[in-house]
Amino acid sequence: MAELLMQQDAPMDAYRQLFDGILSQRLAPGTKLNEVELTLLFGVSRTLIRQALQRLQLEQVVEIHKNRGAFVAAPSPDLAQQILLARHTIELAVVNLACERCTAGDVERLQHMIDLEQSAIDQGDMATALRRSGEFHLQLAIVAGNQPFVHALRGLISQTSLIITMYSHGGGNACARDEHSLLLAAVSAGDQQQAQQQMAHHLGHIAAGCDFTQSPQVANLKGAFAHLS
């Protein structure tokens, strides 16, 4: 049973290692993700590596090209700004719906996510903090109860994390804890106007923290995952 569980967890472990490698800037945009090399680095089958890469492709942080392989996505400054605008538009509608549907259980779950994000920040683990921040925003969409919004935001949130990693002045800053807390307070109170204002301020803060003139450098896989050796 333990061996079966380890096999079932392997694709998720590979996915998290790759996702965190991208968000921590160990894997820069444009880096080629060679399946054979990743198989050797992670000690898992090529099939499991391919599954992890396919999940990252669905989240639009990895691009897979026929006959060329997989690469870390590298959204241009123009595309990055379009992504942030799309997310802004959708998330304003999300908080509106969340205000109407949020339960005490939802508030408790969302607060736990904020606490996990802050714990990662306190430990200096910005890749995990970014992932936790994304989970908070995705959970808000789940609370809103609109599946097309959830589907759209799953990709947009991952892309935003990549954009923050690429273009943020601070080199990958996660969302401020008090911004999430203020947003949650407005949603839990059912105050749609305040929730929309908090979300607009929050996402505007992310966009304002980006410098779209930066050009990240491509990294190599062995160096990016040296900590696994």
C-alpha atoms as a PDB file:
ATOM      1  CA  MET A   1       0.000   0.000   0.000  1.00  0.00           C
ATOM      2  CA  ALA A   2       2.799   2.462   0.914  1.00  0.00           C
ATOM      3  CA  GLU A   3       4.526   1.725  -2.402  1.00  0.00           C
ATOM      4  CA  LEU A   4       1.241   2.338  -4.263  1.00  0.00           C
ATOM      5  CA  LEU A   5       0.757   5.668  -2.502  1.00  0.00           C
ATOM      6  CA  MET A   6       4.306   6.701  -3.376  1.00  0.00           C
ATOM      7  CA  GLN A   7       3.622   5.846  -7.031  1.00  0.00           C
ATOM      8  CA  GLN A   8       0.390   7.861  -6.951  1.00  0.00           C
ATOM      9  CA  ASP A   9       2.171  10.852  -5.373  1.00  0.00           C
ATOM     10  CA  ALA A  10       5.085  10.813  -7.814  1.00  0.00           C
ATOM     11  CA  PRO A  11       3.423  12.882 -10.584  1.00  0.00           C
ATOM     12  CA  MET A  12       2.310  15.472  -8.006  1.00  0.00           C
ATOM     13  CA  ASP A  13       5.788  15.602  -6.468  1.00  0.00           C
ATOM     14  CA  ALA A  14       7.359  16.152  -9.898  1.00  0.00           C
ATOM     15  CA  TYR A  15       4.736  18.785 -10.686  1.00  0.00           C
ATOM     16  CA  ARG A  16       5.393  20.657  -7.422  1.00  0.00           C
ATOM     17  CA  GLN A  17       9.158  20.506  -7.834  1.00  0.00           C
ATOM     18  CA  LEU A  18       8.892  21.912 -11.349  1.00  0.00           C
ATOM     19  CA  PHE A  19       6.271  24.505 -10.431  1.00  0.00           C
ATOM     20  CA  ASP A  20       8.303  25.668  -7.433  1.00  0.00           C
ATOM     21  CA  GLY A  21      11.446  25.673  -9.587  1.00  0.00           C
ATOM     22  CA  ILE A  22       9.721  28.047 -11.994  1.00  0.00           C
ATOM     23  CA  LEU A  23       8.303  30.327  -9.304  1.00  0.00           C
ATOM     24  CA  SER A  24      11.568  30.484  -7.357  1.00  0.00           C
ATOM     25  CA  GLN A  25      13.343  31.543 -10.591  1.00  0.00           C
ATOM     26  CA  ARG A  26      15.606  28.480 -10.573  1.00  0.00           C
ATOM     27  CA  LEU A  27      13.933  27.695 -13.905  1.00  0.00           C
ATOM     28  CA  ALA A  28      13.752  30.888 -15.920  1.00  0.00           C
ATOM     29  CA  PRO A  29      11.222  31.553 -18.715  1.00  0.00           C
ATOM     30  CA  GLY A  30      12.342  29.894 -21.935  1.00  0.00           C
ATOM     31  CA  THR A  31      14.262  27.095 -20.193  1.00  0.00           C
ATOM     32  CA  LYS A  32      13.973  23.765 -22.031  1.00  0.00           C
ATOM     33  CA  LEU A  33      12.546  20.975 -19.843  1.00  0.00           C
ATOM     34  CA  ASN A  34      14.202  17.838 -21.170  1.00  0.00           C
ATOM     35  CA  GLU A  35      12.186  14.745 -20.195  1.00  0.00           C
ATOM     36  CA  VAL A  36      15.194  12.420 -20.046  1.00  0.00           C
ATOM     37  CA  GLU A  37      17.189  14.808 -17.865  1.00  0.00           C
ATOM     38  CA  LEU A  38      14.202  15.358 -15.546  1.00  0.00           C
ATOM     39  CA  THR A  39      13.719  11.592 -15.254  1.00  0.00           C
ATOM     40  CA  LEU A  40      17.318  11.250 -14.026  1.00  0.00           C
ATOM     41  CA  LEU A  41      17.070  14.256 -11.684  1.00  0.00           C
ATOM     42  CA  PHE A  42      13.804  13.171 -10.032  1.00  0.00           C
ATOM     43  CA  GLY A  43      14.344   9.413 -10.171  1.00  0.00           C
ATOM     44  CA  VAL A  44      10.924   8.703 -11.690  1.00  0.00           C
ATOM     45  CA  SER A  45       9.726   7.346 -15.017  1.00  0.00           C
ATOM     46  CA  ARG A  46       9.500   9.418 -18.166  1.00  0.00           C
ATOM     47  CA  THR A  47       5.729   8.811 -18.164  1.00  0.00           C
ATOM     48  CA  LEU A  48       5.379  10.505 -14.764  1.00  0.00           C
ATOM     49  CA  ILE A  49       7.524  13.433 -15.927  1.00  0.00           C
ATOM     50  CA  ARG A  50       5.315  13.777 -19.005  1.00  0.00           C
ATOM     51  CA  GLN A  51       2.197  13.822 -16.793  1.00  0.00           C
ATOM     52  CA  ALA A  52       3.697  16.598 -14.667  1.00  0.00           C
ATOM     53  CA  LEU A  53       4.614  18.620 -17.760  1.00  0.00           C
ATOM     54  CA  GLN A  54       1.129  18.171 -19.200  1.00  0.00           C
ATOM     55  CA  ARG A  55      -0.423  19.508 -16.003  1.00  0.00           C
ATOM     56  CA  LEU A  56       1.895  22.513 -16.108  1.00  0.00           C
ATOM     57  CA  GLN A  57       0.898  23.006 -19.741  1.00  0.00           C
ATOM     58  CA  LEU A  58      -2.789  23.069 -18.721  1.00  0.00           C
ATOM     59  CA  GLU A  59      -1.909  25.764 -16.184  1.00  0.00           C
ATOM     60  CA  GLN A  60      -0.103  27.599 -19.013  1.00  0.00           C
ATOM     61  CA  VAL A  61       3.245  27.946 -17.258  1.00  0.00           C
ATOM     62  CA  VAL A  62       4.838  25.387 -19.583  1.00  0.00           C
ATOM     63  CA  GLU A  63       4.607  25.240 -23.385  1.00  0.00           C
ATOM     64  CA  ILE A  64       4.979  21.933 -25.241  1.00  0.00           C
ATOM     65  CA  HIS A  65       5.962  22.144 -28.904  1.00  0.00           C
ATOM     66  CA  LYS A  66       5.864  19.209 -31.308  1.00  0.00           C
ATOM     67  CA  ASN A  67       9.349  17.944 -32.180  1.00  0.00           C
ATOM     68  CA  ARG A  68      10.921  20.552 -29.859  1.00  0.00           C
ATOM     69  CA  GLY A  69       9.789  19.513 -26.392  1.00  0.00           C
ATOM     70  CA  ALA A  70       8.678  21.419 -23.302  1.00  0.00           C
ATOM     71  CA  PHE A  71       9.785  24.904 -22.275  1.00  0.00           C
ATOM     72  CA  VAL A  72       8.987  27.200 -19.361  1.00  0.00           C
ATOM     73  CA  ALA A  73       6.469  29.716 -20.709  1.00  0.00           C
ATOM     74  CA  ALA A  74       7.725  33.250 -21.301  1.00  0.00           C
ATOM     75  CA  PRO A  75       4.797  35.657 -21.694  1.00  0.00           C
ATOM     76  CA  SER A  76       5.801  38.880 -23.413  1.00  0.00           C
ATOM     77  CA  PRO A  77       5.212  42.174 -21.579  1.00  0.00           C
ATOM     78  CA  ASP A  78       2.146  42.818 -23.758  1.00  0.00           C
ATOM     79  CA  LEU A  79       0.670  39.364 -23.109  1.00  0.00           C
ATOM     80  CA  ALA A  80       1.492  39.650 -19.394  1.00  0.00           C
ATOM     81  CA  GLN A  81      -0.519  42.855 -19.152  1.00  0.00           C
ATOM     82  CA  GLN A  82      -3.411  41.253 -21.043  1.00  0.00           C
ATOM     83  CA  ILE A  83      -3.367  38.340 -18.586  1.00  0.00           C
ATOM     84  CA  LEU A  84      -3.490  40.713 -15.606  1.00  0.00           C
ATOM     85  CA  LEU A  85      -6.393  42.629 -17.174  1.00  0.00           C
ATOM     86  CA  ALA A  86      -8.329  39.397 -17.820  1.00  0.00           C
ATOM     87  CA  ARG A  87      -7.765  38.277 -14.250  1.00  0.00           C
ATOM     88  CA  HIS A  88      -8.840  41.680 -12.897  1.00  0.00           C
ATOM     89  CA  THR A  89     -12.109  41.531 -14.846  1.00  0.00           C
ATOM     90  CA  ILE A  90     -12.965  37.988 -13.744  1.00  0.00           C
ATOM     91  CA  GLU A  91     -11.973  38.369 -10.097  1.00  0.00           C
ATOM     92  CA  LEU A  92     -14.184  41.423  -9.587  1.00  0.00           C
ATOM     93  CA  ALA A  93     -17.123  39.252 -10.631  1.00  0.00           C
ATOM     94  CA  VAL A  94     -15.843  36.400  -8.447  1.00  0.00           C
ATOM     95  CA  VAL A  95     -15.844  38.434  -5.225  1.00  0.00           C
ATOM     96  CA  ASN A  96     -19.303  39.750  -6.044  1.00  0.00           C
ATOM     97  CA  LEU A  97     -20.642  36.187  -6.158  1.00  0.00           C
ATOM     98  CA  ALA A  98     -18.510  35.053  -3.220  1.00  0.00           C
ATOM     99  CA  CYS A  99     -20.110  37.733  -1.036  1.00  0.00           C
ATOM    100  CA  GLU A 100     -23.488  36.126  -1.694  1.00  0.00           C
ATOM    101  CA  ARG A 101     -22.413  32.520  -1.152  1.00  0.00           C
ATOM    102  CA  CYS A 102     -19.634  32.543   1.451  1.00  0.00           C
ATOM    103  CA  THR A 103     -20.308  30.385   4.534  1.00  0.00           C
ATOM    104  CA  ALA A 104     -18.588  30.234   7.917  1.00  0.00           C
ATOM    105  CA  GLY A 105     -16.810  27.084   6.733  1.00  0.00           C
ATOM    106  CA  ASP A 106     -15.567  28.888   3.644  1.00  0.00           C
ATOM    107  CA  VAL A 107     -14.207  31.736   5.787  1.00  0.00           C
ATOM    108  CA  GLU A 108     -12.352  29.265   8.009  1.00  0.00           C
ATOM    109  CA  ARG A 109     -10.855  27.501   4.988  1.00  0.00           C
ATOM    110  CA  LEU A 110      -9.780  30.765   3.352  1.00  0.00           C
ATOM    111  CA  GLN A 111      -8.238  32.044   6.588  1.00  0.00           C
ATOM    112  CA  HIS A 112      -6.246  28.816   6.870  1.00  0.00           C
ATOM    113  CA  MET A 113      -4.912  29.443   3.364  1.00  0.00           C
ATOM    114  CA  ILE A 114      -3.830  32.955   4.346  1.00  0.00           C
ATOM    115  CA  ASP A 115      -2.040  31.499   7.379  1.00  0.00           C
ATOM    116  CA  LEU A 116      -0.234  28.939   5.210  1.00  0.00           C
ATOM    117  CA  GLU A 117       0.864  31.669   2.816  1.00  0.00           C
ATOM    118  CA  GLN A 118       2.192  33.802   5.654  1.00  0.00           C
ATOM    119  CA  SER A 119       4.040  30.832   7.129  1.00  0.00           C
ATOM    120  CA  ALA A 120       5.805  30.328   3.786  1.00  0.00           C
ATOM    121  CA  ILE A 121       6.681  34.044   3.650  1.00  0.00           C
ATOM    122  CA  ASP A 122       8.055  33.909   7.211  1.00  0.00           C
ATOM    123  CA  GLN A 123      10.269  30.983   6.170  1.00  0.00           C
ATOM    124  CA  GLY A 124      11.506  32.871   3.102  1.00  0.00           C
ATOM    125  CA  ASP A 125       9.935  30.302   0.776  1.00  0.00           C
ATOM    126  CA  MET A 126       8.520  32.669  -1.842  1.00  0.00           C
ATOM    127  CA  ALA A 127       7.737  29.934  -4.373  1.00  0.00           C
ATOM    128  CA  THR A 128       5.445  28.200  -1.874  1.00  0.00           C
ATOM    129  CA  ALA A 129       4.006  31.566  -0.824  1.00  0.00           C
ATOM    130  CA  LEU A 130       3.083  32.333  -4.430  1.00  0.00           C
ATOM    131  CA  ARG A 131       1.479  28.905  -4.790  1.00  0.00           C
ATOM    132  CA  ARG A 132      -0.482  29.392  -1.543  1.00  0.00           C
ATOM    133  CA  SER A 133      -1.599  32.834  -2.697  1.00  0.00           C
ATOM    134  CA  GLY A 134      -2.882  31.326  -5.928  1.00  0.00           C
ATOM    135  CA  GLU A 135      -4.753  28.645  -3.988  1.00  0.00           C
ATOM    136  CA  PHE A 136      -6.485  31.368  -1.943  1.00  0.00           C
ATOM    137  CA  HIS A 137      -7.692  33.152  -5.067  1.00  0.00           C
ATOM    138  CA  LEU A 138      -8.798  29.908  -6.698  1.00  0.00           C
ATOM    139  CA  GLN A 139     -10.737  28.949  -3.560  1.00  0.00           C
ATOM    140  CA  LEU A 140     -12.575  32.284  -3.750  1.00  0.00           C
ATOM    141  CA  ALA A 141     -13.702  31.314  -7.255  1.00  0.00           C
ATOM    142  CA  ILE A 142     -14.847  27.927  -5.955  1.00  0.00           C
ATOM    143  CA  VAL A 143     -16.832  29.701  -3.233  1.00  0.00           C
ATOM    144  CA  ALA A 144     -18.394  31.901  -5.928  1.00  0.00           C
ATOM    145  CA  GLY A 145     -19.796  28.730  -7.457  1.00  0.00           C
ATOM    146  CA  ASN A 146     -19.107  29.545 -11.113  1.00  0.00           C
ATOM    147  CA  GLN A 147     -17.228  26.716 -12.816  1.00  0.00           C
ATOM    148  CA  PRO A 148     -16.216  28.685 -15.953  1.00  0.00           C
ATOM    149  CA  PHE A 149     -14.614  31.275 -13.646  1.00  0.00           C
ATOM    150  CA  VAL A 150     -12.782  28.511 -11.764  1.00  0.00           C
ATOM    151  CA  HIS A 151     -11.511  27.019 -15.032  1.00  0.00           C
ATOM    152  CA  ALA A 152     -10.380  30.382 -16.413  1.00  0.00           C
ATOM    153  CA  LEU A 153      -8.706  31.475 -13.191  1.00  0.00           C
ATOM    154  CA  ARG A 154      -6.816  28.200 -12.780  1.00  0.00           C
ATOM    155  CA  GLY A 155      -4.699  29.172 -15.781  1.00  0.00           C
ATOM    156  CA  LEU A 156      -4.695  32.929 -15.164  1.00  0.00           C
ATOM    157  CA  ILE A 157      -3.539  32.543 -11.555  1.00  0.00           C
ATOM    158  CA  SER A 158      -0.643  30.261 -12.529  1.00  0.00           C
ATOM    159  CA  GLN A 159       0.287  32.658 -15.331  1.00  0.00           C
ATOM    160  CA  THR A 160       0.169  35.575 -12.877  1.00  0.00           C
ATOM    161  CA  SER A 161       2.562  33.723 -10.579  1.00  0.00           C
ATOM    162  CA  LEU A 162       4.920  33.305 -13.533  1.00  0.00           C
ATOM    163  CA  ILE A 163       4.523  37.000 -14.426  1.00  0.00           C
ATOM    164  CA  ILE A 164       5.324  38.032 -10.837  1.00  0.00           C
ATOM    165  CA  THR A 165       8.387  35.805 -10.937  1.00  0.00           C
ATOM    166  CA  MET A 166       9.501  37.290 -14.279  1.00  0.00           C
ATOM    167  CA  TYR A 167       8.701  40.952 -13.830  1.00  0.00           C
ATOM    168  CA  SER A 168       8.223  41.830 -10.144  1.00  0.00           C
ATOM    169  CA  HIS A 169      10.510  44.541  -8.763  1.00  0.00           C
ATOM    170  CA  GLY A 170      10.969  42.338  -5.709  1.00  0.00           C
ATOM    171  CA  GLY A 171      11.932  39.228  -7.674  1.00  0.00           C
ATOM    172  CA  GLY A 172       8.781  37.233  -6.938  1.00  0.00           C
ATOM    173  CA  ASN A 173       6.852  38.858  -4.122  1.00  0.00           C
ATOM    174  CA  ALA A 174       3.743  37.085  -2.882  1.00  0.00           C
ATOM    175  CA  CYS A 175       0.534  38.923  -2.078  1.00  0.00           C
ATOM    176  CA  ALA A 176       0.571  40.922   1.143  1.00  0.00           C
ATOM    177  CA  ARG A 177      -1.146  39.126   4.003  1.00  0.00           C
ATOM    178  CA  ASP A 178      -3.167  42.138   5.099  1.00  0.00           C
ATOM    179  CA  GLU A 179      -4.543  42.548   1.566  1.00  0.00           C
ATOM    180  CA  HIS A 180      -5.893  39.008   1.603  1.00  0.00           C
ATOM    181  CA  SER A 181      -7.209  39.473   5.136  1.00  0.00           C
ATOM    182  CA  LEU A 182      -9.016  42.702   4.219  1.00  0.00           C
ATOM    183  CA  LEU A 183     -10.459  41.018   1.157  1.00  0.00           C
ATOM    184  CA  LEU A 184     -11.674  38.067   3.206  1.00  0.00           C
ATOM    185  CA  ALA A 185     -13.213  40.401   5.799  1.00  0.00           C
ATOM    186  CA  ALA A 186     -15.241  42.161   3.092  1.00  0.00           C
ATOM    187  CA  VAL A 187     -16.372  38.871   1.527  1.00  0.00           C
ATOM    188  CA  SER A 188     -17.342  37.333   4.869  1.00  0.00           C
ATOM    189  CA  ALA A 189     -19.372  40.474   5.676  1.00  0.00           C
ATOM    190  CA  GLY A 190     -21.138  40.226   2.318  1.00  0.00           C
ATOM    191  CA  ASP A 191     -20.013  43.749   1.421  1.00  0.00           C
ATOM    192  CA  GLN A 192     -19.811  43.560  -2.367  1.00  0.00           C
ATOM    193  CA  GLN A 193     -18.673  47.141  -2.907  1.00  0.00           C
ATOM    194  CA  GLN A 194     -15.857  46.861  -0.370  1.00  0.00           C
ATOM    195  CA  ALA A 195     -14.856  43.417  -1.665  1.00  0.00           C
ATOM    196  CA  GLN A 196     -14.578  44.738  -5.216  1.00  0.00           C
ATOM    197  CA  GLN A 197     -12.562  47.730  -4.036  1.00  0.00           C
ATOM    198  CA  GLN A 198     -10.191  45.479  -2.086  1.00  0.00           C
ATOM    199  CA  MET A 199      -9.762  43.114  -5.039  1.00  0.00           C
ATOM    200  CA  ALA A 200      -9.148  45.990  -7.472  1.00  0.00           C
ATOM    201  CA  HIS A 201      -6.557  47.492  -5.102  1.00  0.00           C
ATOM    202  CA  HIS A 202      -4.959  44.097  -4.522  1.00  0.00           C
ATOM    203  CA  LEU A 203      -4.575  43.206  -8.209  1.00  0.00           C
ATOM    204  CA  GLY A 204      -3.547  46.776  -9.033  1.00  0.00           C
ATOM    205  CA  HIS A 205      -0.785  46.433  -6.443  1.00  0.00           C
ATOM    206  CA  ILE A 206       0.494  43.302  -8.212  1.00  0.00           C
ATOM    207  CA  ALA A 207       0.518  45.041 -11.611  1.00  0.00           C
ATOM    208  CA  ALA A 208       2.193  48.163 -10.215  1.00  0.00           C
ATOM    209  CA  GLY A 209       4.954  45.991  -8.749  1.00  0.00           C
ATOM    210  CA  CYS A 210       5.982  44.676 -12.163  1.00  0.00           C
ATOM    211  CA  ASP A 211       8.738  46.017 -14.398  1.00  0.00           C
ATOM    212  CA  PHE A 212       8.001  44.826 -17.926  1.00  0.00           C
ATOM    213  CA  THR A 213      11.449  45.797 -19.201  1.00  0.00           C
ATOM    214  CA  GLN A 214      13.241  42.937 -17.404  1.00  0.00           C
ATOM    215  CA  SER A 215      14.678  40.047 -19.427  1.00  0.00           C
ATOM    216  CA  PRO A 216      15.213  36.906 -17.276  1.00  0.00           C
ATOM    217  CA  GLN A 217      18.074  34.572 -18.185  1.00  0.00           C
ATOM    218  CA  VAL A 218      17.624  30.930 -19.170  1.00  0.00           C
ATOM    219  CA  ALA A 219      18.841  28.393 -16.573  1.00  0.00           C
ATOM    220  CA  ASN A 220      20.024  24.799 -16.825  1.00  0.00           C
ATOM    221  CA  LEU A 221      18.091  21.907 -15.253  1.00  0.00           C
ATOM    222  CA  LYS A 222      20.951  20.360 -13.311  1.00  0.00           C
ATOM    223  CA  GLY A 223      21.783  23.635 -11.609  1.00  0.00           C
ATOM    224  CA  ALA A 224      18.109  24.406 -10.945  1.00  0.00           C
ATOM    225  CA  PHE A 225      17.609  21.149  -9.022  1.00  0.00           C
ATOM    226  CA  ALA A 226      21.043  20.765  -7.431  1.00  0.00           C
ATOM    227  CA  HIS A 227      19.314  20.694  -4.024  1.00  0.00           C
ATOM    228  CA  LEU A 228      17.804  17.290  -4.934  1.00  0.00           C
ATOM    229  CA  SER A 229      21.211  15.657  -5.364  1.00  0.00           C
END
